[in-house]
Amino acid sequence: MPSTAKPATSSQLIELPLVNQPDPDQLDNIKAQLDLVLLALESLAGIGSEAMLQAAVELNLESVVADRVALWRLRQSSPLRKGQGGRKKLDVEEARALVLISCFLARQYQELVRRAVSLLEQLTEQNREPHHAALLGDYLDSFSNTYQERMEDGDQVNPEGLTHLALKLLIDLLFYSGPGGARRLWLALLDRARDAEVLASANRAKEA
């Protein structure tokens, strides 16, 4: 069962700082990362679109995420996703809304996240594989299966790579579930998007 989380409000959108408007490539990176965060929550807690829409209601974000179709389009806009049905553009306010929804849900399931991370720490200390714990094994299987089903490169990513990604996201969820989690996630998204853009620019310069 999810724990009781203190609802956020859409006024928290203004608490997510934005010094410079992300460029289209940076927004692509941000929406890809957000979709993965939500995928991790889905895989760990077994939640679906209904829980995400309910979070939007409690956060007063219905104007951004009004229904299943709106939510699907926002998530389908990730460049990692299969298919061309989603919008190719995600604006900053929509990205901020998904940040608040993600962290609201992470807070609701904070006890479960903590338990999973604690198990991971114990198994790591014992030099045992994460799959040896039922909770982590179920999470990793669900994450891998869903990633392979939804993502364009799902058939190409090796199992070790998916396990590493899933465990990294699990640890990230622990930080996003705590006080200031939304601000922490938002700043991480901006930093990673800038880093990815710098790396892409450097690679283009090498190829030139």
Protein backbone atom coordinates (compact mmCIF):
# COMPACT_ATOMS: atom_id res chain seq x y z
CA MET A 1 0.00 0.00 0.00
CA PRO A 2 1.24 3.49 -0.78
CA SER A 3 2.11 5.76 2.11
CA THR A 4 0.28 8.99 2.75
CA ALA A 5 2.03 11.82 0.92
CA LYS A 6 1.41 15.49 1.46
CA PRO A 7 -0.09 16.76 -1.80
CA ALA A 8 1.82 19.28 -3.80
CA THR A 9 0.12 22.03 -5.74
CA SER A 10 0.64 23.47 -9.21
CA SER A 11 2.13 26.53 -7.53
CA GLN A 12 5.21 24.39 -7.03
CA LEU A 13 5.86 24.75 -10.74
CA ILE A 14 7.42 28.12 -10.02
CA GLU A 15 9.82 26.45 -7.55
CA LEU A 16 11.42 24.53 -10.41
CA PRO A 17 14.02 27.04 -11.61
CA LEU A 18 14.70 27.79 -15.24
CA VAL A 19 17.59 30.12 -15.99
CA ASN A 20 17.67 29.41 -19.71
CA GLN A 21 15.00 27.92 -21.93
CA PRO A 22 16.07 24.39 -22.98
CA ASP A 23 16.62 24.02 -26.71
CA PRO A 24 14.74 21.30 -28.65
CA ASP A 25 17.52 18.75 -28.26
CA GLN A 26 17.68 19.35 -24.52
CA LEU A 27 13.90 18.98 -24.23
CA ASP A 28 14.15 15.68 -26.11
CA ASN A 29 16.66 14.49 -23.52
CA ILE A 30 14.47 15.70 -20.64
CA LYS A 31 11.32 13.96 -21.87
CA ALA A 32 13.25 10.72 -22.48
CA GLN A 33 14.58 10.79 -18.91
CA LEU A 34 11.15 11.58 -17.43
CA ASP A 35 9.56 8.70 -19.27
CA LEU A 36 12.20 6.36 -17.84
CA VAL A 37 11.59 7.64 -14.30
CA LEU A 38 7.88 6.90 -14.70
CA LEU A 39 8.71 3.51 -16.19
CA ALA A 40 10.75 2.68 -13.08
CA LEU A 41 7.81 3.66 -10.85
CA GLU A 42 5.44 1.55 -12.94
CA SER A 43 7.75 -1.45 -12.73
CA LEU A 44 8.38 -1.22 -8.99
CA ALA A 45 4.93 -0.28 -7.68
CA GLY A 46 2.71 -1.74 -10.40
CA ILE A 47 1.03 1.60 -11.00
CA GLY A 48 -0.47 2.65 -14.31
CA SER A 49 -2.01 5.63 -16.03
CA GLU A 50 -4.88 5.87 -13.52
CA ALA A 51 -2.48 6.53 -10.65
CA MET A 52 -0.65 9.15 -12.73
CA LEU A 53 -3.90 10.88 -13.65
CA GLN A 54 -5.03 10.82 -10.02
CA ALA A 55 -1.73 12.43 -9.06
CA ALA A 56 -2.37 15.14 -11.65
CA VAL A 57 -5.77 15.81 -10.05
CA GLU A 58 -4.32 16.04 -6.55
CA LEU A 59 -1.61 18.38 -7.82
CA ASN A 60 -4.11 20.59 -9.66
CA LEU A 61 -2.44 19.79 -12.97
CA GLU A 62 -5.51 18.60 -14.90
CA SER A 63 -5.04 21.43 -17.39
CA VAL A 64 -1.73 19.84 -18.42
CA VAL A 65 -2.55 16.14 -18.01
CA ALA A 66 -6.28 15.97 -18.55
CA ASP A 67 -6.85 12.32 -19.53
CA ARG A 68 -5.27 9.09 -20.71
CA VAL A 69 -4.76 10.41 -24.22
CA ALA A 70 -2.96 13.53 -22.99
CA LEU A 71 -0.74 11.44 -20.71
CA TRP A 72 0.02 8.96 -23.50
CA ARG A 73 0.98 11.76 -25.88
CA LEU A 74 3.30 13.33 -23.33
CA ARG A 75 5.08 10.05 -22.67
CA GLN A 76 5.05 8.95 -26.30
CA SER A 77 6.90 12.15 -27.16
CA SER A 78 10.06 10.56 -25.75
CA PRO A 79 12.54 10.03 -28.60
CA LEU A 80 13.28 6.58 -27.16
CA ARG A 81 9.75 5.34 -27.81
CA LYS A 82 8.55 3.16 -30.65
CA GLY A 83 5.96 4.58 -33.04
CA GLN A 84 5.20 8.00 -34.40
CA GLY A 85 1.85 8.64 -32.73
CA GLY A 86 2.97 10.96 -29.98
CA ARG A 87 3.70 14.64 -30.19
CA LYS A 88 7.24 15.52 -31.05
CA LYS A 89 7.23 18.59 -28.84
CA LEU A 90 7.06 18.76 -25.06
CA ASP A 91 7.07 22.25 -23.63
CA VAL A 92 8.73 23.27 -20.39
CA GLU A 93 5.52 23.52 -18.37
CA GLU A 94 4.53 20.02 -19.40
CA ALA A 95 7.97 18.75 -18.40
CA ARG A 96 7.64 20.47 -15.03
CA ALA A 97 4.20 18.91 -14.54
CA LEU A 98 5.60 15.42 -15.20
CA VAL A 99 8.37 16.14 -12.68
CA LEU A 100 5.79 16.96 -10.00
CA ILE A 101 3.71 13.88 -10.84
CA SER A 102 6.78 11.63 -10.76
CA CYS A 103 7.93 12.89 -7.38
CA PHE A 104 4.40 12.84 -5.92
CA LEU A 105 4.16 9.15 -6.82
CA ALA A 106 7.68 8.47 -5.54
CA ARG A 107 6.67 9.97 -2.19
CA GLN A 108 3.53 7.83 -2.10
CA TYR A 109 5.62 4.70 -2.56
CA GLN A 110 8.64 5.89 -0.58
CA GLU A 111 8.48 2.95 1.84
CA LEU A 112 8.58 0.48 -1.07
CA VAL A 113 11.44 2.38 -2.74
CA ARG A 114 13.42 2.39 0.51
CA ARG A 115 12.87 -1.33 0.99
CA ALA A 116 14.04 -2.08 -2.55
CA VAL A 117 17.18 0.07 -2.18
CA SER A 118 17.93 -1.49 1.21
CA LEU A 119 17.71 -4.97 -0.34
CA LEU A 120 20.02 -3.87 -3.14
CA GLU A 121 22.58 -2.61 -0.62
CA GLN A 122 22.43 -5.86 1.35
CA LEU A 123 22.86 -8.04 -1.73
CA THR A 124 25.71 -5.87 -3.00
CA GLU A 125 27.52 -6.26 0.32
CA GLN A 126 27.02 -10.03 0.09
CA ASN A 127 28.24 -10.04 -3.52
CA ARG A 128 24.92 -11.54 -4.65
CA GLU A 129 22.85 -10.72 -7.71
CA PRO A 130 19.79 -8.44 -7.26
CA HIS A 131 17.49 -11.11 -8.69
CA HIS A 132 18.06 -13.14 -5.50
CA ALA A 133 15.52 -10.86 -3.77
CA ALA A 134 11.96 -11.36 -4.99
CA LEU A 135 11.11 -7.64 -4.88
CA LEU A 136 14.13 -6.66 -6.94
CA GLY A 137 13.77 -9.60 -9.29
CA ASP A 138 10.16 -8.71 -10.06
CA TYR A 139 11.11 -5.06 -10.56
CA LEU A 140 14.00 -5.84 -12.90
CA ASP A 141 11.95 -8.31 -14.94
CA SER A 142 9.06 -5.86 -15.28
CA PHE A 143 11.36 -2.98 -16.20
CA SER A 144 13.25 -5.01 -18.80
CA ASN A 145 10.13 -6.48 -20.37
CA THR A 146 8.37 -3.11 -20.57
CA TYR A 147 11.44 -1.33 -21.91
CA GLN A 148 11.87 -3.93 -24.64
CA GLU A 149 8.19 -3.64 -25.53
CA ARG A 150 8.02 0.14 -25.70
CA MET A 151 11.43 1.45 -26.72
CA GLU A 152 12.90 1.69 -30.18
CA ASP A 153 16.18 0.08 -29.15
CA GLY A 154 14.50 -2.50 -26.91
CA ASP A 155 15.68 -5.42 -29.03
CA GLN A 156 19.27 -4.18 -29.12
CA VAL A 157 19.95 -3.36 -25.45
CA ASN A 158 21.65 -6.21 -23.63
CA PRO A 159 20.17 -7.52 -20.34
CA GLU A 160 23.12 -6.22 -18.31
CA GLY A 161 22.59 -2.74 -19.68
CA LEU A 162 18.88 -2.80 -18.79
CA THR A 163 19.64 -4.07 -15.28
CA HIS A 164 22.18 -1.28 -14.75
CA LEU A 165 19.68 1.34 -15.97
CA ALA A 166 16.85 -0.04 -13.82
CA LEU A 167 18.98 -0.07 -10.66
CA LYS A 168 20.27 3.44 -11.29
CA LEU A 169 16.69 4.68 -11.67
CA LEU A 170 15.69 2.86 -8.49
CA ILE A 171 18.38 4.66 -6.50
CA ASP A 172 17.38 7.95 -8.12
CA LEU A 173 13.78 7.37 -7.00
CA LEU A 174 14.92 7.28 -3.40
CA PHE A 175 16.30 10.82 -3.73
CA TYR A 176 13.26 12.07 -5.63
CA SER A 177 10.88 10.68 -2.98
CA GLY A 178 12.28 12.86 -0.20
CA PRO A 179 11.90 16.54 0.70
CA GLY A 180 12.80 18.76 -2.23
CA GLY A 181 12.60 15.78 -4.57
CA ALA A 182 10.90 17.68 -7.39
CA ARG A 183 13.54 20.41 -7.41
CA ARG A 184 16.28 17.77 -7.24
CA LEU A 185 14.85 15.86 -10.21
CA TRP A 186 14.30 19.02 -12.25
CA LEU A 187 17.86 20.24 -11.73
CA ALA A 188 19.21 16.76 -12.56
CA LEU A 189 17.20 16.74 -15.79
CA LEU A 190 18.56 20.14 -16.81
CA ASP A 191 22.15 19.16 -15.94
CA ARG A 192 21.97 15.87 -17.83
CA ALA A 193 20.39 17.54 -20.84
CA ARG A 194 23.17 20.15 -20.94
CA ASP A 195 25.84 17.47 -20.50
CA ALA A 196 24.33 15.41 -23.31
CA GLU A 197 24.28 18.45 -25.58
CA VAL A 198 27.91 19.28 -24.81
CA LEU A 199 28.92 15.68 -25.52
CA ALA A 200 26.96 15.65 -28.78
CA SER A 201 28.59 18.91 -29.85
CA ALA A 202 32.04 17.53 -29.05
CA ASN A 203 31.33 14.39 -31.08
CA ARG A 204 30.11 16.47 -34.02
CA ALA A 205 33.31 18.54 -33.85
CA LYS A 206 35.44 15.39 -33.96
CA GLU A 207 33.56 14.15 -37.00
CA ALA A 208 33.89 17.47 -38.84
